[in-house]
Amino acid sequence: MPKLRTHYDNLQVSENASIEVIKGAYKYLTQKYHPDRHPNDRLRATRATKIINQAYAVLSDPEKRREHDAWIKEQRKAREDQENRDAHEKGEEDAKKSDDYGHYTTEPPRDDLPVDESRKFIGGRYHPWRRWLARLIDLAGLAVLISFILGVASEYPPLAPTYELWMATPDFAWGVIVALINIPIEAMLISQFGTTPAKWLFGISVLLEDGRKPPISVAFRRALDVFARGCGCYIVGLGGIMALVGYYRLLKRGTTYWDTTQGTVVFHKKWSYKRALAATTAALMFFVTPILVAILIPAQEAYLQESRRAAHLHQLAFENGCDRPVGMVVRYSDENGVWRTDGWWGAKPGEVIYLTNGAGEPLVTNAREWYFYAITTEGAAVEWRGEHEFAYQDQTIPMARMTGDAADRAWFVTCD
């Protein structure tokens, strides 16, 4: 049968100790087990401090102490009765017995308990690499989400410049912007759930020393401290140095600057095969994502540019309002901005023709001006000409200049 353990045992005082002795023992033990004095074993120290505080809360209150003394007597009498019964039926139940005052019948945390009970994952019980990968995957996921949202929004004309500005941002500035956006998002997630998507996948949670979720103010300061002191504001060179400093501090002391200053503790769950497989897949996707982005983003941008360009291209059209056939030559700026001269096209009386080149491809332009020369091919010659001369098929042809709205690329002539 496990030894009956009381609040007197937890404060290491006798059952008839005076209040002065109890206060002195409490002060000594709280200093001895304060988490700041045990940076390598903060979890054990936090658990021990909680037990000590609970014992002092009972023994320093006369009424609660009397109830606790009565509870001890009851427990001892019950144990005497149980010695005459089947230990297998009664022993385990009494060892677990506890009432509303938090009386403990089991041993408090021992000094040899580890900081966390998870399996090793490159770096021992503090898991620096697991934490590092979780942060990078959170940031990569946020970057992909931002790019996707802006890519979709770029189809809405007023927001198109925002997407173009985002895509033109240098890589180093792009990373800093994503990290800054991540600060309030991470703070909200940790304050609400104690974790982030990638941290949850890797079995990581960020809590206060008493196991509660940190308030939004603490979570925000912690996220900001990670950005500044843990990642060096993602400045090239400085970020790597700060990450190494944090890495070696974590391995040496079992905690980081931002967790120490904010009073938070990082907990790690045991790794099941399913969690290990999911985390490994996420890590592989993190390294594959940049490759996919490098391939897909330029392709998407080329597609968007082609779509915008095509939306502003219009095929040249001509209407012959004359009662005789007309032949013509035009000079225009093609879709690549190259000026070309092409002809001769024939239009029957009253016919509307859409101009094409020798390969049958439509003649398109997005320029606000173009030039043409036309002449009747039967009967008395009637010319439509201008003052702008251009060479075509070893001839110098005087062309008339046409201007109009970007959407208007059609014109007509009459013989009147």
Foldseek 3Di string as FASTA:
>chain_A
DFAFDWLCVLLVHDLPDDLVVSVVSLVVLCVVLPLVVQLQQNLLSLQSNVSSVLSSVQCNDVVSSVVRVVVVVVLVVVVVVCVPDDCVVPVVVSQCDDDPSGTHRHDGRDPPDGNADADDDPQPPLCLVLVVLLVLLVLLVQLVVVLVVLLVVLVVPVSVVVNVVLVPDDPLVNSLVSLVVVLLVQLVCQQVPQGDVSCVLQQKGKDASVRHRDHSVLSSQLSVCCCCQQQVSSDPPSRVVSVVVQSVCCSVRVDGPSCVVSRMDMHGDYDDPVSVVSSVVSSVCSVCVVVVCVVVVVVSVVVVVVVVLVVLKDFAKEFEQEQAKKWKKKWAQASVRDIDIDDTDIDHHGGMDTDDHPVRHTGIHQDQKMKMKMWGPDDDIDIDFAQDWDDDPNDTGGIDMDGDDSHDNYDYDYPD
